[in-house]
Each structure stands twice: as structure tokens, then as C-alpha cells.
């Protein structure tokens, strides 16, 4: 099973892929999302989104500035104000 992950900015779709897990820099602290996660919405602080393509893999990191994260039955969508780099 895989988590469908999308990273979007106001300008474009940055990433859309199936991954193992994503760690999100939530405003109340970091949280990890796997396939089947309970639905939620969270604001995000500036920080690093860590993307694990497979179980046990080293994470790929993407720096973001603020935004929102939504987990629903389709997967995880991050609406970032800006992607840095």
C-alpha cells in the first residue's frame, strides 16, 4: 500500500506521487502520515517536508514556507505558501 502525496503552491503542482510516508511540519509539531491515516487538516509552519519513498529509505526533504496540510481518503495534500529552493 502507498500514500498518494501531492505538494502544491499557488503557482504550480510541485509533486504528485505514491510514497511510503511523509513527515509534515505542522504548526503544533511534526506529524507523520502513512496510507490509511485518520482524516485531518492542519496549518503548517516553515520547515522541512520529509518524503520517504519506501519503508526504511532515507528521506528526501523539501523546504516550505507555511500553508495547510489535508489528509483524506485520497491521501495527503500539502498546500504550501512557497517551496524554497
PDB file of N, CA and C in Angstrom:
ATOM      1  N   UNK A   1       0.840  -1.185   0.000  1.00  0.00           N
ATOM      2  CA  UNK A   1       0.000   0.000   0.000  1.00  0.00           C
ATOM      3  C   UNK A   1       0.884   1.248   0.000  1.00  0.00           C
ATOM      4  N   UNK A   2       0.396   2.290  -0.633  1.00  0.00           N
ATOM      5  CA  UNK A   2       1.162   3.525  -0.723  1.00  0.00           C
ATOM      6  C   UNK A   2       0.255   4.718  -0.458  1.00  0.00           C
ATOM      7  N   UNK A   3       0.862   5.772   0.004  1.00  0.00           N
ATOM      8  CA  UNK A   3       0.178   7.026   0.278  1.00  0.00           C
ATOM      9  C   UNK A   3       0.270   7.912  -0.955  1.00  0.00           C
ATOM     10  N   UNK A   4      -0.860   8.410  -1.433  1.00  0.00           N
ATOM     11  CA  UNK A   4      -0.831   9.363  -2.546  1.00  0.00           C
ATOM     12  C   UNK A   4      -0.520  10.736  -1.961  1.00  0.00           C
ATOM     13  N   UNK A   5       0.569  11.349  -2.428  1.00  0.00           N
ATOM     14  CA  UNK A   5       1.068  12.611  -1.893  1.00  0.00           C
ATOM     15  C   UNK A   5       1.116  13.670  -2.980  1.00  0.00           C
ATOM     16  N   UNK A   6       0.583  14.858  -2.664  1.00  0.00           N
ATOM     17  CA  UNK A   6       0.679  15.998  -3.568  1.00  0.00           C
ATOM     18  C   UNK A   6       1.174  17.207  -2.806  1.00  0.00           C
ATOM     19  N   UNK A   7       2.105  17.929  -3.419  1.00  0.00           N
ATOM     20  CA  UNK A   7       2.622  19.188  -2.885  1.00  0.00           C
ATOM     21  C   UNK A   7       2.307  20.259  -3.914  1.00  0.00           C
ATOM     22  N   UNK A   8       1.536  21.274  -3.479  1.00  0.00           N
ATOM     23  CA  UNK A   8       1.040  22.301  -4.379  1.00  0.00           C
ATOM     24  C   UNK A   8       1.379  23.679  -3.813  1.00  0.00           C
ATOM     25  N   UNK A   9       1.754  24.610  -4.703  1.00  0.00           N
ATOM     26  CA  UNK A   9       1.920  26.019  -4.339  1.00  0.00           C
ATOM     27  C   UNK A   9       0.885  26.804  -5.140  1.00  0.00           C
ATOM     28  N   UNK A  10       0.710  28.097  -4.846  1.00  0.00           N
ATOM     29  CA  UNK A  10      -0.226  28.884  -5.653  1.00  0.00           C
ATOM     30  C   UNK A  10       0.140  28.903  -7.144  1.00  0.00           C
ATOM     31  N   UNK A  11       1.415  28.691  -7.465  1.00  0.00           N
ATOM     32  CA  UNK A  11       1.861  28.754  -8.857  1.00  0.00           C
ATOM     33  C   UNK A  11       1.738  27.442  -9.618  1.00  0.00           C
ATOM     34  N   UNK A  12       1.945  26.289  -8.900  1.00  0.00           N
ATOM     35  CA  UNK A  12       2.002  25.026  -9.650  1.00  0.00           C
ATOM     36  C   UNK A  12       1.903  23.806  -8.743  1.00  0.00           C
ATOM     37  N   UNK A  13       1.696  22.672  -9.392  1.00  0.00           N
ATOM     38  CA  UNK A  13       1.795  21.373  -8.745  1.00  0.00           C
ATOM     39  C   UNK A  13       3.270  21.010  -8.719  1.00  0.00           C
ATOM     40  N   UNK A  14       3.842  20.899  -7.514  1.00  0.00           N
ATOM     41  CA  UNK A  14       5.273  20.632  -7.368  1.00  0.00           C
ATOM     42  C   UNK A  14       5.561  19.138  -7.427  1.00  0.00           C
ATOM     43  N   UNK A  15       4.699  18.340  -6.810  1.00  0.00           N
ATOM     44  CA  UNK A  15       4.957  16.901  -6.702  1.00  0.00           C
ATOM     45  C   UNK A  15       3.630  16.166  -6.598  1.00  0.00           C
ATOM     46  N   UNK A  16       3.516  15.042  -7.272  1.00  0.00           N
ATOM     47  CA  UNK A  16       2.366  14.149  -7.154  1.00  0.00           C
ATOM     48  C   UNK A  16       2.877  12.734  -7.367  1.00  0.00           C
ATOM     49  N   UNK A  17       2.853  11.927  -6.308  1.00  0.00           N
ATOM     50  CA  UNK A  17       3.397  10.577  -6.406  1.00  0.00           C
ATOM     51  C   UNK A  17       2.918   9.707  -5.246  1.00  0.00           C
ATOM     52  N   UNK A  18       3.081   8.413  -5.405  1.00  0.00           N
ATOM     53  CA  UNK A  18       2.791   7.460  -4.344  1.00  0.00           C
ATOM     54  C   UNK A  18       4.072   7.248  -3.540  1.00  0.00           C
ATOM     55  N   UNK A  19       3.981   7.381  -2.220  1.00  0.00           N
ATOM     56  CA  UNK A  19       5.135   7.248  -1.330  1.00  0.00           C
ATOM     57  C   UNK A  19       4.767   6.378  -0.132  1.00  0.00           C
ATOM     58  N   UNK A  20       5.772   6.040   0.661  1.00  0.00           N
ATOM     59  CA  UNK A  20       5.531   5.254   1.869  1.00  0.00           C
ATOM     60  C   UNK A  20       5.008   6.131   3.011  1.00  0.00           C
ATOM     61  N   UNK A  21       5.692   7.268   3.276  1.00  0.00           N
ATOM     62  CA  UNK A  21       5.331   8.129   4.397  1.00  0.00           C
ATOM     63  C   UNK A  21       5.831   9.543   4.139  1.00  0.00           C
ATOM     64  N   UNK A  22       5.112  10.521   4.719  1.00  0.00           N
ATOM     65  CA  UNK A  22       5.536  11.919   4.665  1.00  0.00           C
ATOM     66  C   UNK A  22       5.464  12.475   6.080  1.00  0.00           C
ATOM     67  N   UNK A  23       6.517  13.189   6.500  1.00  0.00           N
ATOM     68  CA  UNK A  23       6.520  13.883   7.787  1.00  0.00           C
ATOM     69  C   UNK A  23       6.317  15.367   7.490  1.00  0.00           C
ATOM     70  N   UNK A  24       5.287  15.936   8.125  1.00  0.00           N
ATOM     71  CA  UNK A  24       4.831  17.300   7.850  1.00  0.00           C
ATOM     72  C   UNK A  24       5.186  18.220   9.023  1.00  0.00           C
ATOM     73  N   UNK A  25       5.703  19.437   8.745  1.00  0.00           N
ATOM     74  CA  UNK A  25       5.991  20.392   9.826  1.00  0.00           C
ATOM     75  C   UNK A  25       4.727  21.150  10.238  1.00  0.00           C
ATOM     76  N   UNK A  26       3.875  20.493  11.013  1.00  0.00           N
ATOM     77  CA  UNK A  26       2.637  21.120  11.472  1.00  0.00           C
ATOM     78  C   UNK A  26       2.908  22.258  12.439  1.00  0.00           C
ATOM     79  N   UNK A  27       1.970  23.174  12.541  1.00  0.00           N
ATOM     80  CA  UNK A  27       2.151  24.318  13.440  1.00  0.00           C
ATOM     81  C   UNK A  27       2.188  23.897  14.908  1.00  0.00           C
ATOM     82  N   UNK A  28       1.614  22.738  15.225  1.00  0.00           N
ATOM     83  CA  UNK A  28       1.636  22.227  16.600  1.00  0.00           C
ATOM     84  C   UNK A  28       2.719  21.174  16.791  1.00  0.00           C
ATOM     85  N   UNK A  29       3.534  20.950  15.764  1.00  0.00           N
ATOM     86  CA  UNK A  29       4.593  19.950  15.819  1.00  0.00           C
ATOM     87  C   UNK A  29       4.557  19.065  14.596  1.00  0.00           C
ATOM     88  N   UNK A  30       5.635  18.342  14.363  1.00  0.00           N
ATOM     89  CA  UNK A  30       5.713  17.459  13.207  1.00  0.00           C
ATOM     90  C   UNK A  30       4.790  16.266  13.377  1.00  0.00           C
ATOM     91  N   UNK A  31       4.241  15.779  12.252  1.00  0.00           N
ATOM     92  CA  UNK A  31       3.447  14.558  12.292  1.00  0.00           C
ATOM     93  C   UNK A  31       3.683  13.760  11.019  1.00  0.00           C
ATOM     94  N   UNK A  32       3.664  12.445  11.180  1.00  0.00           N
ATOM     95  CA  UNK A  32       3.872  11.541  10.052  1.00  0.00           C
ATOM     96  C   UNK A  32       2.556  11.044   9.506  1.00  0.00           C
ATOM     97  N   UNK A  33       2.509  10.863   8.192  1.00  0.00           N
ATOM     98  CA  UNK A  33       1.293  10.387   7.531  1.00  0.00           C
ATOM     99  C   UNK A  33       1.638   9.150   6.708  1.00  0.00           C
ATOM    100  N   UNK A  34       0.925   8.067   6.984  1.00  0.00           N
ATOM    101  CA  UNK A  34       1.009   6.818   6.240  1.00  0.00           C
ATOM    102  C   UNK A  34      -0.333   6.570   5.559  1.00  0.00           C
ATOM    103  N   UNK A  35      -0.372   5.643   4.609  1.00  0.00           N
ATOM    104  CA  UNK A  35      -1.623   5.238   3.978  1.00  0.00           C
ATOM    105  C   UNK A  35      -2.629   4.847   5.061  1.00  0.00           C
ATOM    106  N   UNK A  36      -3.872   5.306   4.933  1.00  0.00           N
ATOM    107  CA  UNK A  36      -4.915   4.968   5.891  1.00  0.00           C
ATOM    108  C   UNK A  36      -4.970   5.885   7.105  1.00  0.00           C
ATOM    109  N   UNK A  37      -4.196   6.957   7.128  1.00  0.00           N
ATOM    110  CA  UNK A  37      -4.191   7.900   8.249  1.00  0.00           C
ATOM    111  C   UNK A  37      -5.586   8.485   8.447  1.00  0.00           C
ATOM    112  N   UNK A  38      -5.926   8.781   9.683  1.00  0.00           N
ATOM    113  CA  UNK A  38      -7.197   9.423  10.007  1.00  0.00           C
ATOM    114  C   UNK A  38      -7.269  10.785   9.315  1.00  0.00           C
ATOM    115  N   UNK A  39      -8.412  11.128   8.725  1.00  0.00           N
ATOM    116  CA  UNK A  39      -8.540  12.438   8.079  1.00  0.00           C
ATOM    117  C   UNK A  39      -8.271  13.576   9.056  1.00  0.00           C
ATOM    118  N   UNK A  40      -7.572  14.612   8.567  1.00  0.00           N
ATOM    119  CA  UNK A  40      -7.302  15.802   9.382  1.00  0.00           C
ATOM    120  C   UNK A  40      -6.893  16.955   8.498  1.00  0.00           C
ATOM    121  N   UNK A  41      -6.976  18.147   9.061  1.00  0.00           N
ATOM    122  CA  UNK A  41      -6.436  19.354   8.429  1.00  0.00           C
ATOM    123  C   UNK A  41      -5.563  20.029   9.469  1.00  0.00           C
ATOM    124  N   UNK A  42      -4.444  20.604   9.015  1.00  0.00           N
ATOM    125  CA  UNK A  42      -3.510  21.267   9.921  1.00  0.00           C
ATOM    126  C   UNK A  42      -2.861  22.441   9.213  1.00  0.00           C
ATOM    127  N   UNK A  43      -2.620  23.504   9.961  1.00  0.00           N
ATOM    128  CA  UNK A  43      -1.778  24.570   9.435  1.00  0.00           C
ATOM    129  C   UNK A  43      -0.333  24.098   9.554  1.00  0.00           C
ATOM    130  N   UNK A  44       0.537  24.699   8.753  1.00  0.00           N
ATOM    131  CA  UNK A  44       1.944  24.305   8.772  1.00  0.00           C
ATOM    132  C   UNK A  44       2.818  25.516   9.056  1.00  0.00           C
ATOM    133  N   UNK A  45       3.930  25.244   9.717  1.00  0.00           N
ATOM    134  CA  UNK A  45       4.939  26.272   9.960  1.00  0.00           C
ATOM    135  C   UNK A  45       6.012  26.130   8.887  1.00  0.00           C
ATOM    136  N   UNK A  46       6.899  27.105   8.816  1.00  0.00           N
ATOM    137  CA  UNK A  46       8.054  26.981   7.926  1.00  0.00           C
ATOM    138  C   UNK A  46       8.874  25.788   8.386  1.00  0.00           C
ATOM    139  N   UNK A  47       9.341  24.986   7.454  1.00  0.00           N
ATOM    140  CA  UNK A  47      10.142  23.829   7.831  1.00  0.00           C
ATOM    141  C   UNK A  47      10.373  22.886   6.677  1.00  0.00           C
ATOM    142  N   UNK A  48      10.738  21.658   7.009  1.00  0.00           N
ATOM    143  CA  UNK A  48      11.058  20.645   6.009  1.00  0.00           C
ATOM    144  C   UNK A  48       9.972  19.586   5.934  1.00  0.00           C
ATOM    145  N   UNK A  49       9.515  19.309   4.726  1.00  0.00           N
ATOM    146  CA  UNK A  49       8.654  18.157   4.470  1.00  0.00           C
ATOM    147  C   UNK A  49       9.605  17.007   4.162  1.00  0.00           C
ATOM    148  N   UNK A  50       9.461  15.893   4.887  1.00  0.00           N
ATOM    149  CA  UNK A  50      10.337  14.738   4.682  1.00  0.00           C
ATOM    150  C   UNK A  50       9.541  13.632   4.001  1.00  0.00           C
ATOM    151  N   UNK A  51      10.009  13.234   2.819  1.00  0.00           N
ATOM    152  CA  UNK A  51       9.307  12.254   1.992  1.00  0.00           C
ATOM    153  C   UNK A  51      10.104  10.950   1.979  1.00  0.00           C
ATOM    154  N   UNK A  52       9.460   9.880   2.467  1.00  0.00           N
ATOM    155  CA  UNK A  52      10.066   8.543   2.481  1.00  0.00           C
ATOM    156  C   UNK A  52       9.418   7.740   1.355  1.00  0.00           C
ATOM    157  N   UNK A  53      10.174   7.483   0.293  1.00  0.00           N
ATOM    158  CA  UNK A  53       9.610   6.779  -0.866  1.00  0.00           C
ATOM    159  C   UNK A  53       9.285   5.323  -0.554  1.00  0.00           C
ATOM    160  N   UNK A  54      10.118   4.679   0.294  1.00  0.00           N
ATOM    161  CA  UNK A  54       9.884   3.301   0.701  1.00  0.00           C
ATOM    162  C   UNK A  54      10.178   3.164   2.186  1.00  0.00           C
ATOM    163  N   UNK A  55       9.697   2.079   2.773  1.00  0.00           N
ATOM    164  CA  UNK A  55       9.960   1.811   4.189  1.00  0.00           C
ATOM    165  C   UNK A  55      11.461   1.648   4.390  1.00  0.00           C
ATOM    166  N   UNK A  56      12.033   2.401   5.322  1.00  0.00           N
ATOM    167  CA  UNK A  56      13.449   2.306   5.624  1.00  0.00           C
ATOM    168  C   UNK A  56      14.348   3.170   4.755  1.00  0.00           C
ATOM    169  N   UNK A  57      13.780   3.864   3.776  1.00  0.00           N
ATOM    170  CA  UNK A  57      14.584   4.716   2.886  1.00  0.00           C
ATOM    171  C   UNK A  57      15.000   5.996   3.605  1.00  0.00           C
ATOM    172  N   UNK A  58      16.060   6.619   3.115  1.00  0.00           N
ATOM    173  CA  UNK A  58      16.447   7.938   3.604  1.00  0.00           C
ATOM    174  C   UNK A  58      15.443   8.947   3.046  1.00  0.00           C
ATOM    175  N   UNK A  59      15.052   9.940   3.850  1.00  0.00           N
ATOM    176  CA  UNK A  59      14.038  10.877   3.355  1.00  0.00           C
ATOM    177  C   UNK A  59      14.605  11.901   2.383  1.00  0.00           C
ATOM    178  N   UNK A  60      13.770  12.288   1.448  1.00  0.00           N
ATOM    179  CA  UNK A  60      14.043  13.444   0.601  1.00  0.00           C
ATOM    180  C   UNK A  60      13.377  14.617   1.321  1.00  0.00           C
ATOM    181  N   UNK A  61      14.038  15.757   1.386  1.00  0.00           N
ATOM    182  CA  UNK A  61      13.455  16.897   2.090  1.00  0.00           C
ATOM    183  C   UNK A  61      13.173  18.039   1.127  1.00  0.00           C
ATOM    184  N   UNK A  62      12.060  18.720   1.397  1.00  0.00           N
ATOM    185  CA  UNK A  62      11.680  19.901   0.634  1.00  0.00           C
ATOM    186  C   UNK A  62      11.346  20.990   1.643  1.00  0.00           C
ATOM    187  N   UNK A  63      12.013  22.132   1.544  1.00  0.00           N
ATOM    188  CA  UNK A  63      11.764  23.253   2.452  1.00  0.00           C
ATOM    189  C   UNK A  63      10.534  24.020   1.971  1.00  0.00           C
ATOM    190  N   UNK A  64       9.657  24.329   2.922  1.00  0.00           N
ATOM    191  CA  UNK A  64       8.439  25.075   2.595  1.00  0.00           C
ATOM    192  C   UNK A  64       8.270  26.249   3.552  1.00  0.00           C
ATOM    193  N   UNK A  65       7.441  27.175   3.140  1.00  0.00           N
ATOM    194  CA  UNK A  65       7.023  28.280   4.000  1.00  0.00           C
ATOM    195  C   UNK A  65       5.517  28.211   4.155  1.00  0.00           C
ATOM    196  N   UNK A  66       5.066  27.905   5.364  1.00  0.00           N
ATOM    197  CA  UNK A  66       3.656  27.933   5.726  1.00  0.00           C
ATOM    198  C   UNK A  66       2.721  27.173   4.812  1.00  0.00           C
ATOM    199  N   UNK A  67       1.437  27.250   5.142  1.00  0.00           N
ATOM    200  CA  UNK A  67       0.406  26.617   4.343  1.00  0.00           C
ATOM    201  C   UNK A  67      -0.485  25.709   5.161  1.00  0.00           C
ATOM    202  N   UNK A  68      -1.103  24.763   4.476  1.00  0.00           N
ATOM    203  CA  UNK A  68      -2.041  23.826   5.087  1.00  0.00           C
ATOM    204  C   UNK A  68      -1.742  22.413   4.607  1.00  0.00           C
ATOM    205  N   UNK A  69      -2.071  21.442   5.443  1.00  0.00           N
ATOM    206  CA  UNK A  69      -1.982  20.035   5.050  1.00  0.00           C
ATOM    207  C   UNK A  69      -3.348  19.406   5.263  1.00  0.00           C
ATOM    208  N   UNK A  70      -3.785  18.607   4.298  1.00  0.00           N
ATOM    209  CA  UNK A  70      -5.053  17.897   4.427  1.00  0.00           C
ATOM    210  C   UNK A  70      -4.825  16.421   4.149  1.00  0.00           C
ATOM    211  N   UNK A  71      -5.306  15.590   5.073  1.00  0.00           N
ATOM    212  CA  UNK A  71      -5.291  14.142   4.896  1.00  0.00           C
ATOM    213  C   UNK A  71      -6.740  13.715   4.739  1.00  0.00           C
ATOM    214  N   UNK A  72      -7.029  12.987   3.656  1.00  0.00           N
ATOM    215  CA  UNK A  72      -8.376  12.446   3.463  1.00  0.00           C
ATOM    216  C   UNK A  72      -8.256  11.057   2.852  1.00  0.00           C
ATOM    217  N   UNK A  73      -9.373  10.486   2.410  1.00  0.00           N
ATOM    218  CA  UNK A  73      -9.350   9.120   1.887  1.00  0.00           C
ATOM    219  C   UNK A  73      -8.509   8.992   0.621  1.00  0.00           C
ATOM    220  N   UNK A  74      -8.234  10.094  -0.069  1.00  0.00           N
ATOM    221  CA  UNK A  74      -7.411  10.059  -1.285  1.00  0.00           C
ATOM    222  C   UNK A  74      -5.921  10.154  -0.994  1.00  0.00           C
ATOM    223  N   UNK A  75      -5.543  10.619   0.206  1.00  0.00           N
ATOM    224  CA  UNK A  75      -4.125  10.742   0.551  1.00  0.00           C
ATOM    225  C   UNK A  75      -3.820  12.050   1.256  1.00  0.00           C
ATOM    226  N   UNK A  76      -2.605  12.563   1.051  1.00  0.00           N
ATOM    227  CA  UNK A  76      -2.125  13.787   1.699  1.00  0.00           C
ATOM    228  C   UNK A  76      -1.892  14.859   0.648  1.00  0.00           C
ATOM    229  N   UNK A  77      -2.478  16.032   0.878  1.00  0.00           N
ATOM    230  CA  UNK A  77      -2.218  17.193   0.030  1.00  0.00           C
ATOM    231  C   UNK A  77      -1.653  18.293   0.900  1.00  0.00           C
ATOM    232  N   UNK A  78      -0.514  18.820   0.494  1.00  0.00           N
ATOM    233  CA  UNK A  78       0.102  19.967   1.171  1.00  0.00           C
ATOM    234  C   UNK A  78      -0.052  21.167   0.255  1.00  0.00           C
ATOM    235  N   UNK A  79      -0.687  22.216   0.782  1.00  0.00           N
ATOM    236  CA  UNK A  79      -0.855  23.467   0.076  1.00  0.00           C
ATOM    237  C   UNK A  79       0.114  24.445   0.709  1.00  0.00           C
ATOM    238  N   UNK A  80       1.312  24.561   0.143  1.00  0.00           N
ATOM    239  CA  UNK A  80       2.364  25.393   0.715  1.00  0.00           C
ATOM    240  C   UNK A  80       2.296  26.798   0.138  1.00  0.00           C
ATOM    241  N   UNK A  81       2.552  27.782   0.991  1.00  0.00           N
ATOM    242  CA  UNK A  81       2.629  29.159   0.502  1.00  0.00           C
ATOM    243  C   UNK A  81       3.780  29.309  -0.476  1.00  0.00           C
ATOM    244  N   UNK A  82       4.887  28.611  -0.179  1.00  0.00           N
ATOM    245  CA  UNK A  82       6.066  28.696  -1.042  1.00  0.00           C
ATOM    246  C   UNK A  82       6.978  27.499  -0.804  1.00  0.00           C
ATOM    247  N   UNK A  83       7.571  27.007  -1.873  1.00  0.00           N
ATOM    248  CA  UNK A  83       8.619  25.989  -1.774  1.00  0.00           C
ATOM    249  C   UNK A  83       9.951  26.707  -1.969  1.00  0.00           C
ATOM    250  N   UNK A  84      10.898  26.445  -1.080  1.00  0.00           N
ATOM    251  CA  UNK A  84      12.193  27.119  -1.105  1.00  0.00           C
ATOM    252  C   UNK A  84      13.204  26.213  -1.812  1.00  0.00           C
ATOM    253  N   UNK A  85      13.870  26.756  -2.803  1.00  0.00           N
ATOM    254  CA  UNK A  85      14.924  26.004  -3.483  1.00  0.00           C
ATOM    255  C   UNK A  85      14.536  25.405  -4.776  1.00  0.00           C
TER     256      UNK A  85
END
